[in-house]
Amino acid sequence: AEPVRHNIAPGQQIVTLGPDGLGLMRWGIIP
């Protein structure tokens, strides 16, 4: 369901590619 996105900001969900394939992660690690 991910659309074209022209302004992806920290704190938002972002498409990532990991060992298990494509998914969504929050941009920014809460330490």
PDB file of all heavy atoms in Angstrom:
ATOM      1  N   ALA A   1       0.809  -1.220   0.000  1.00  0.00           N
ATOM      2  CA  ALA A   1       0.000   0.000   0.000  1.00  0.00           C
ATOM      3  C   ALA A   1       0.841   1.267   0.000  1.00  0.00           C
ATOM      4  O   ALA A   1       0.296   2.377   0.064  1.00  0.00           O
ATOM      5  CB  ALA A   1      -0.920   0.011   1.229  1.00  0.00           C
ATOM      6  N   GLU A   2       2.165   1.139  -0.086  1.00  0.00           N
ATOM      7  CA  GLU A   2       3.024   2.316  -0.033  1.00  0.00           C
ATOM      8  C   GLU A   2       2.880   3.161  -1.296  1.00  0.00           C
ATOM      9  O   GLU A   2       3.049   2.667  -2.411  1.00  0.00           O
ATOM     10  CB  GLU A   2       4.493   1.902   0.127  1.00  0.00           C
ATOM     11  CG  GLU A   2       4.884   1.537   1.528  1.00  0.00           C
ATOM     12  CD  GLU A   2       4.790   2.721   2.478  1.00  0.00           C
ATOM     13  OE1 GLU A   2       5.593   3.663   2.340  1.00  0.00           O
ATOM     14  OE2 GLU A   2       3.915   2.702   3.346  1.00  0.00           O
ATOM     15  N   PRO A   3       2.587   4.472  -1.140  1.00  0.00           N
ATOM     16  CA  PRO A   3       2.468   5.357  -2.304  1.00  0.00           C
ATOM     17  C   PRO A   3       3.826   5.964  -2.666  1.00  0.00           C
ATOM     18  O   PRO A   3       4.819   5.761  -1.966  1.00  0.00           O
ATOM     19  CB  PRO A   3       1.524   6.450  -1.779  1.00  0.00           C
ATOM     20  CG  PRO A   3       1.922   6.573  -0.329  1.00  0.00           C
ATOM     21  CD  PRO A   3       2.261   5.164   0.119  1.00  0.00           C
ATOM     22  N   VAL A   4       3.848   6.711  -3.758  1.00  0.00           N
ATOM     23  CA  VAL A   4       4.997   7.572  -4.040  1.00  0.00           C
ATOM     24  C   VAL A   4       5.069   8.611  -2.929  1.00  0.00           C
ATOM     25  O   VAL A   4       4.059   9.171  -2.512  1.00  0.00           O
ATOM     26  CB  VAL A   4       4.822   8.277  -5.406  1.00  0.00           C
ATOM     27  CG1 VAL A   4       5.874   9.354  -5.596  1.00  0.00           C
ATOM     28  CG2 VAL A   4       4.887   7.247  -6.527  1.00  0.00           C
ATOM     29  N   ARG A   5       6.277   8.860  -2.428  1.00  0.00           N
ATOM     30  CA  ARG A   5       6.435   9.809  -1.312  1.00  0.00           C
ATOM     31  C   ARG A   5       7.555  10.800  -1.637  1.00  0.00           C
ATOM     32  O   ARG A   5       8.689  10.412  -1.890  1.00  0.00           O
ATOM     33  CB  ARG A   5       6.738   9.052  -0.014  1.00  0.00           C
ATOM     34  CG  ARG A   5       5.609   8.123   0.405  1.00  0.00           C
ATOM     35  CD  ARG A   5       5.989   7.282   1.595  1.00  0.00           C
ATOM     36  NE  ARG A   5       6.186   8.085   2.782  1.00  0.00           N
ATOM     37  CZ  ARG A   5       6.634   7.594   3.942  1.00  0.00           C
ATOM     38  NH1 ARG A   5       6.944   6.309   4.038  1.00  0.00           N
ATOM     39  NH2 ARG A   5       6.788   8.369   4.987  1.00  0.00           N
ATOM     40  N   HIS A   6       7.205  12.087  -1.596  1.00  0.00           N
ATOM     41  CA  HIS A   6       8.158  13.129  -1.974  1.00  0.00           C
ATOM     42  C   HIS A   6       8.857  13.769  -0.781  1.00  0.00           C
ATOM     43  O   HIS A   6       9.763  14.581  -0.969  1.00  0.00           O
ATOM     44  CB  HIS A   6       7.441  14.217  -2.776  1.00  0.00           C
ATOM     45  CG  HIS A   6       6.849  13.715  -4.057  1.00  0.00           C
ATOM     46  ND1 HIS A   6       7.621  13.278  -5.114  1.00  0.00           N
ATOM     47  CD2 HIS A   6       5.555  13.553  -4.440  1.00  0.00           C
ATOM     48  CE1 HIS A   6       6.841  12.891  -6.104  1.00  0.00           C
ATOM     49  NE2 HIS A   6       5.582  13.029  -5.725  1.00  0.00           N
ATOM     50  N   ASN A   7       8.447  13.431   0.416  1.00  0.00           N
ATOM     51  CA  ASN A   7       9.010  14.097   1.599  1.00  0.00           C
ATOM     52  C   ASN A   7       8.926  13.150   2.790  1.00  0.00           C
ATOM     53  O   ASN A   7       8.003  13.211   3.582  1.00  0.00           O
ATOM     54  CB  ASN A   7       8.240  15.390   1.875  1.00  0.00           C
ATOM     55  CG  ASN A   7       8.821  16.159   3.055  1.00  0.00           C
ATOM     56  OD1 ASN A   7       9.906  15.860   3.546  1.00  0.00           O
ATOM     57  ND2 ASN A   7       8.081  17.157   3.506  1.00  0.00           N
ATOM     58  N   ILE A   8       9.900  12.261   2.906  1.00  0.00           N
ATOM     59  CA  ILE A   8       9.933  11.280   3.990  1.00  0.00           C
ATOM     60  C   ILE A   8      10.791  11.838   5.110  1.00  0.00           C
ATOM     61  O   ILE A   8      11.988  12.100   4.927  1.00  0.00           O
ATOM     62  CB  ILE A   8      10.499   9.943   3.497  1.00  0.00           C
ATOM     63  CG1 ILE A   8       9.677   9.413   2.324  1.00  0.00           C
ATOM     64  CG2 ILE A   8      10.530   8.926   4.635  1.00  0.00           C
ATOM     65  CD1 ILE A   8      10.309   8.223   1.623  1.00  0.00           C
ATOM     66  N   ALA A   9      10.195  12.022   6.280  1.00  0.00           N
ATOM     67  CA  ALA A   9      10.873  12.683   7.392  1.00  0.00           C
ATOM     68  C   ALA A   9      11.218  11.689   8.499  1.00  0.00           C
ATOM     69  O   ALA A   9      10.572  10.643   8.639  1.00  0.00           O
ATOM     70  CB  ALA A   9       9.972  13.777   7.963  1.00  0.00           C
ATOM     71  N   PRO A  10      12.225  12.006   9.320  1.00  0.00           N
ATOM     72  CA  PRO A  10      12.510  11.181  10.494  1.00  0.00           C
ATOM     73  C   PRO A  10      11.269  11.039  11.372  1.00  0.00           C
ATOM     74  O   PRO A  10      10.458  11.958  11.503  1.00  0.00           O
ATOM     75  CB  PRO A  10      13.609  11.984  11.209  1.00  0.00           C
ATOM     76  CG  PRO A  10      14.290  12.735  10.116  1.00  0.00           C
ATOM     77  CD  PRO A  10      13.192  13.115   9.163  1.00  0.00           C
ATOM     78  N   GLY A  11      11.118   9.862  11.947  1.00  0.00           N
ATOM     79  CA  GLY A  11       9.946   9.574  12.771  1.00  0.00           C
ATOM     80  C   GLY A  11       8.843   8.873  12.007  1.00  0.00           C
ATOM     81  O   GLY A  11       7.921   8.328  12.617  1.00  0.00           O
ATOM     82  N   GLN A  12       8.926   8.875  10.668  1.00  0.00           N
ATOM     83  CA  GLN A  12       7.918   8.215   9.854  1.00  0.00           C
ATOM     84  C   GLN A  12       8.346   6.797   9.495  1.00  0.00           C
ATOM     85  O   GLN A  12       9.517   6.433   9.619  1.00  0.00           O
ATOM     86  CB  GLN A  12       7.675   9.022   8.573  1.00  0.00           C
ATOM     87  CG  GLN A  12       7.101  10.402   8.812  1.00  0.00           C
ATOM     88  CD  GLN A  12       6.901  11.164   7.516  1.00  0.00           C
ATOM     89  OE1 GLN A  12       7.508  10.854   6.499  1.00  0.00           O
ATOM     90  NE2 GLN A  12       6.030  12.159   7.557  1.00  0.00           N
ATOM     91  N   GLN A  13       7.393   6.014   9.028  1.00  0.00           N
ATOM     92  CA  GLN A  13       7.673   4.677   8.530  1.00  0.00           C
ATOM     93  C   GLN A  13       8.380   4.789   7.176  1.00  0.00           C
ATOM     94  O   GLN A  13       8.008   5.620   6.348  1.00  0.00           O
ATOM     95  CB  GLN A  13       6.382   3.890   8.366  1.00  0.00           C
ATOM     96  CG  GLN A  13       5.681   3.586   9.685  1.00  0.00           C
ATOM     97  CD  GLN A  13       6.298   2.385  10.381  1.00  0.00           C
ATOM     98  OE1 GLN A  13       7.362   2.474  10.963  1.00  0.00           O
ATOM     99  NE2 GLN A  13       5.628   1.260  10.316  1.00  0.00           N
ATOM    100  N   ILE A  14       9.373   3.957   6.952  1.00  0.00           N
ATOM    101  CA  ILE A  14      10.143   4.007   5.725  1.00  0.00           C
ATOM    102  C   ILE A  14      10.377   2.585   5.223  1.00  0.00           C
ATOM    103  O   ILE A  14      10.525   1.656   6.024  1.00  0.00           O
ATOM    104  CB  ILE A  14      11.468   4.752   5.963  1.00  0.00           C
ATOM    105  CG1 ILE A  14      12.190   5.023   4.641  1.00  0.00           C
ATOM    106  CG2 ILE A  14      12.367   4.023   6.940  1.00  0.00           C
ATOM    107  CD1 ILE A  14      13.342   5.995   4.798  1.00  0.00           C
ATOM    108  N   VAL A  15      10.385   2.417   3.909  1.00  0.00           N
ATOM    109  CA  VAL A  15      10.626   1.096   3.330  1.00  0.00           C
ATOM    110  C   VAL A  15      12.084   0.708   3.545  1.00  0.00           C
ATOM    111  O   VAL A  15      13.001   1.501   3.303  1.00  0.00           O
ATOM    112  CB  VAL A  15      10.309   1.082   1.826  1.00  0.00           C
ATOM    113  CG1 VAL A  15      10.665  -0.275   1.219  1.00  0.00           C
ATOM    114  CG2 VAL A  15       8.842   1.393   1.594  1.00  0.00           C
ATOM    115  N   THR A  16      12.293  -0.512   3.992  1.00  0.00           N
ATOM    116  CA  THR A  16      13.643  -1.016   4.203  1.00  0.00           C
ATOM    117  C   THR A  16      13.773  -2.413   3.607  1.00  0.00           C
ATOM    118  O   THR A  16      12.784  -3.130   3.433  1.00  0.00           O
ATOM    119  CB  THR A  16      14.005  -1.080   5.698  1.00  0.00           C
ATOM    120  OG1 THR A  16      13.075  -1.945   6.365  1.00  0.00           O
ATOM    121  CG2 THR A  16      13.978   0.299   6.334  1.00  0.00           C
ATOM    122  N   LEU A  17      14.999  -2.780   3.312  1.00  0.00           N
ATOM    123  CA  LEU A  17      15.318  -4.118   2.838  1.00  0.00           C
ATOM    124  C   LEU A  17      16.253  -4.762   3.840  1.00  0.00           C
ATOM    125  O   LEU A  17      17.337  -4.246   4.108  1.00  0.00           O
ATOM    126  CB  LEU A  17      15.985  -4.046   1.460  1.00  0.00           C
ATOM    127  CG  LEU A  17      16.543  -5.361   0.892  1.00  0.00           C
ATOM    128  CD1 LEU A  17      15.440  -6.399   0.748  1.00  0.00           C
ATOM    129  CD2 LEU A  17      17.231  -5.110  -0.429  1.00  0.00           C
ATOM    130  N   GLY A  18      15.817  -5.867   4.429  1.00  0.00           N
ATOM    131  CA  GLY A  18      16.629  -6.586   5.394  1.00  0.00           C
ATOM    132  C   GLY A  18      16.857  -8.015   4.975  1.00  0.00           C
ATOM    133  O   GLY A  18      16.440  -8.424   3.883  1.00  0.00           O
ATOM    134  N   PRO A  19      17.484  -8.805   5.814  1.00  0.00           N
ATOM    135  CA  PRO A  19      17.728 -10.212   5.484  1.00  0.00           C
ATOM    136  C   PRO A  19      16.463 -10.988   5.159  1.00  0.00           C
ATOM    137  O   PRO A  19      16.504 -11.972   4.416  1.00  0.00           O
ATOM    138  CB  PRO A  19      18.401 -10.748   6.753  1.00  0.00           C
ATOM    139  CG  PRO A  19      19.031  -9.544   7.385  1.00  0.00           C
ATOM    140  CD  PRO A  19      18.091  -8.418   7.103  1.00  0.00           C
ATOM    141  N   ASP A  20      15.307 -10.541   5.714  1.00  0.00           N
ATOM    142  CA  ASP A  20      14.038 -11.231   5.473  1.00  0.00           C
ATOM    143  C   ASP A  20      13.213 -10.596   4.361  1.00  0.00           C
ATOM    144  O   ASP A  20      12.046 -10.967   4.162  1.00  0.00           O
ATOM    145  CB  ASP A  20      13.214 -11.273   6.762  1.00  0.00           C
ATOM    146  CG  ASP A  20      13.919 -12.069   7.858  1.00  0.00           C
ATOM    147  OD1 ASP A  20      14.593 -13.053   7.515  1.00  0.00           O
ATOM    148  OD2 ASP A  20      13.790 -11.684   9.038  1.00  0.00           O
ATOM    149  N   GLY A  21      13.780  -9.620   3.649  1.00  0.00           N
ATOM    150  CA  GLY A  21      13.063  -9.005   2.546  1.00  0.00           C
ATOM    151  C   GLY A  21      12.638  -7.572   2.838  1.00  0.00           C
ATOM    152  O   GLY A  21      13.166  -6.916   3.745  1.00  0.00           O
ATOM    153  N   LEU A  22      11.663  -7.079   2.063  1.00  0.00           N
ATOM    154  CA  LEU A  22      11.190  -5.704   2.174  1.00  0.00           C
ATOM    155  C   LEU A  22      10.169  -5.570   3.299  1.00  0.00           C
ATOM    156  O   LEU A  22       9.343  -6.446   3.516  1.00  0.00           O
ATOM    157  CB  LEU A  22      10.555  -5.255   0.859  1.00  0.00           C
ATOM    158  CG  LEU A  22      11.514  -5.061  -0.318  1.00  0.00           C
ATOM    159  CD1 LEU A  22      10.737  -4.985  -1.620  1.00  0.00           C
ATOM    160  CD2 LEU A  22      12.357  -3.802  -0.121  1.00  0.00           C
ATOM    161  N   GLY A  23      10.232  -4.447   4.005  1.00  0.00           N
ATOM    162  CA  GLY A  23       9.295  -4.184   5.085  1.00  0.00           C
ATOM    163  C   GLY A  23       9.297  -2.714   5.424  1.00  0.00           C
ATOM    164  O   GLY A  23       9.866  -1.883   4.697  1.00  0.00           O
ATOM    165  N   LEU A  24       8.654  -2.354   6.525  1.00  0.00           N
ATOM    166  CA  LEU A  24       8.574  -0.978   6.987  1.00  0.00           C
ATOM    167  C   LEU A  24       9.206  -0.859   8.359  1.00  0.00           C
ATOM    168  O   LEU A  24       9.012  -1.719   9.224  1.00  0.00           O
ATOM    169  CB  LEU A  24       7.120  -0.517   7.052  1.00  0.00           C
ATOM    170  CG  LEU A  24       6.366  -0.437   5.724  1.00  0.00           C
ATOM    171  CD1 LEU A  24       4.892  -0.161   5.979  1.00  0.00           C
ATOM    172  CD2 LEU A  24       6.965   0.647   4.833  1.00  0.00           C
ATOM    173  N   MET A  25       9.969   0.205   8.562  1.00  0.00           N
ATOM    174  CA  MET A  25      10.560   0.501   9.865  1.00  0.00           C
ATOM    175  C   MET A  25      10.430   1.991  10.157  1.00  0.00           C
ATOM    176  O   MET A  25      10.346   2.808   9.231  1.00  0.00           O
ATOM    177  CB  MET A  25      12.048   0.120   9.901  1.00  0.00           C
ATOM    178  CG  MET A  25      12.330  -1.362   9.848  1.00  0.00           C
ATOM    179  SD  MET A  25      14.104  -1.714  10.105  1.00  0.00           S
ATOM    180  CE  MET A  25      14.074  -3.507  10.082  1.00  0.00           C
ATOM    181  N   ARG A  26      10.420   2.324  11.427  1.00  0.00           N
ATOM    182  CA  ARG A  26      10.413   3.730  11.830  1.00  0.00           C
ATOM    183  C   ARG A  26      11.808   4.300  11.611  1.00  0.00           C
ATOM    184  O   ARG A  26      12.802   3.717  12.052  1.00  0.00           O
ATOM    185  CB  ARG A  26      10.023   3.846  13.307  1.00  0.00           C
ATOM    186  CG  ARG A  26      10.007   5.268  13.845  1.00  0.00           C
ATOM    187  CD  ARG A  26       9.774   5.252  15.355  1.00  0.00           C
ATOM    188  NE  ARG A  26       9.678   6.577  15.901  1.00  0.00           N
ATOM    189  CZ  ARG A  26      10.724   7.336  16.263  1.00  0.00           C
ATOM    190  NH1 ARG A  26      11.951   6.868  16.111  1.00  0.00           N
ATOM    191  NH2 ARG A  26      10.547   8.538  16.760  1.00  0.00           N
ATOM    192  N   TRP A  27      11.881   5.459  10.952  1.00  0.00           N
ATOM    193  CA  TRP A  27      13.178   6.107  10.739  1.00  0.00           C
ATOM    194  C   TRP A  27      13.569   6.870  12.004  1.00  0.00           C
ATOM    195  O   TRP A  27      13.008   7.883  12.330  1.00  0.00           O
ATOM    196  CB  TRP A  27      13.121   7.038   9.536  1.00  0.00           C
ATOM    197  CG  TRP A  27      14.445   7.678   9.204  1.00  0.00           C
ATOM    198  CD1 TRP A  27      15.676   7.346   9.700  1.00  0.00           C
ATOM    199  CD2 TRP A  27      14.658   8.764   8.312  1.00  0.00           C
ATOM    200  NE1 TRP A  27      16.645   8.145   9.166  1.00  0.00           N
ATOM    201  CE2 TRP A  27      16.044   9.027   8.295  1.00  0.00           C
ATOM    202  CE3 TRP A  27      13.806   9.532   7.511  1.00  0.00           C
ATOM    203  CZ2 TRP A  27      16.600  10.048   7.519  1.00  0.00           C
ATOM    204  CZ3 TRP A  27      14.364  10.539   6.741  1.00  0.00           C
ATOM    205  CH2 TRP A  27      15.730  10.791   6.748  1.00  0.00           C
ATOM    206  N   GLY A  28      14.517   6.320  12.737  1.00  0.00           N
ATOM    207  CA  GLY A  28      14.974   6.896  13.990  1.00  0.00           C
ATOM    208  C   GLY A  28      14.958   5.835  15.080  1.00  0.00           C
ATOM    209  O   GLY A  28      13.918   5.247  15.365  1.00  0.00           O
ATOM    210  N   ILE A  29      16.107   5.569  15.661  1.00  0.00           N
ATOM    211  CA  ILE A  29      16.214   4.568  16.723  1.00  0.00           C
ATOM    212  C   ILE A  29      16.064   5.250  18.072  1.00  0.00           C
ATOM    213  O   ILE A  29      16.852   6.127  18.437  1.00  0.00           O
ATOM    214  CB  ILE A  29      17.567   3.827  16.640  1.00  0.00           C
ATOM    215  CG1 ILE A  29      17.624   2.975  15.368  1.00  0.00           C
ATOM    216  CG2 ILE A  29      17.793   2.951  17.874  1.00  0.00           C
ATOM    217  CD1 ILE A  29      18.944   2.250  15.153  1.00  0.00           C
ATOM    218  N   ILE A  30      15.024   4.861  18.809  1.00  0.00           N
ATOM    219  CA  ILE A  30      14.830   5.369  20.174  1.00  0.00           C
ATOM    220  C   ILE A  30      15.790   4.596  21.075  1.00  0.00           C
ATOM    221  O   ILE A  30      15.637   3.384  21.246  1.00  0.00           O
ATOM    222  CB  ILE A  30      13.378   5.172  20.640  1.00  0.00           C
ATOM    223  CG1 ILE A  30      12.415   5.878  19.680  1.00  0.00           C
ATOM    224  CG2 ILE A  30      13.198   5.678  22.061  1.00  0.00           C
ATOM    225  CD1 ILE A  30      10.954   5.549  19.944  1.00  0.00           C
ATOM    226  N   PRO A  31      16.780   5.245  21.650  1.00  0.00           N
ATOM    227  CA  PRO A  31      17.864   4.525  22.325  1.00  0.00           C
ATOM    228  C   PRO A  31      17.553   4.119  23.761  1.00  0.00           C
ATOM    229  O   PRO A  31      18.370   4.323  24.667  1.00  0.00           O
ATOM    230  CB  PRO A  31      19.012   5.535  22.273  1.00  0.00           C
ATOM    231  CG  PRO A  31      18.320   6.859  22.349  1.00  0.00           C
ATOM    232  CD  PRO A  31      17.013   6.700  21.610  1.00  0.00           C
TER     233      PRO A  31
END
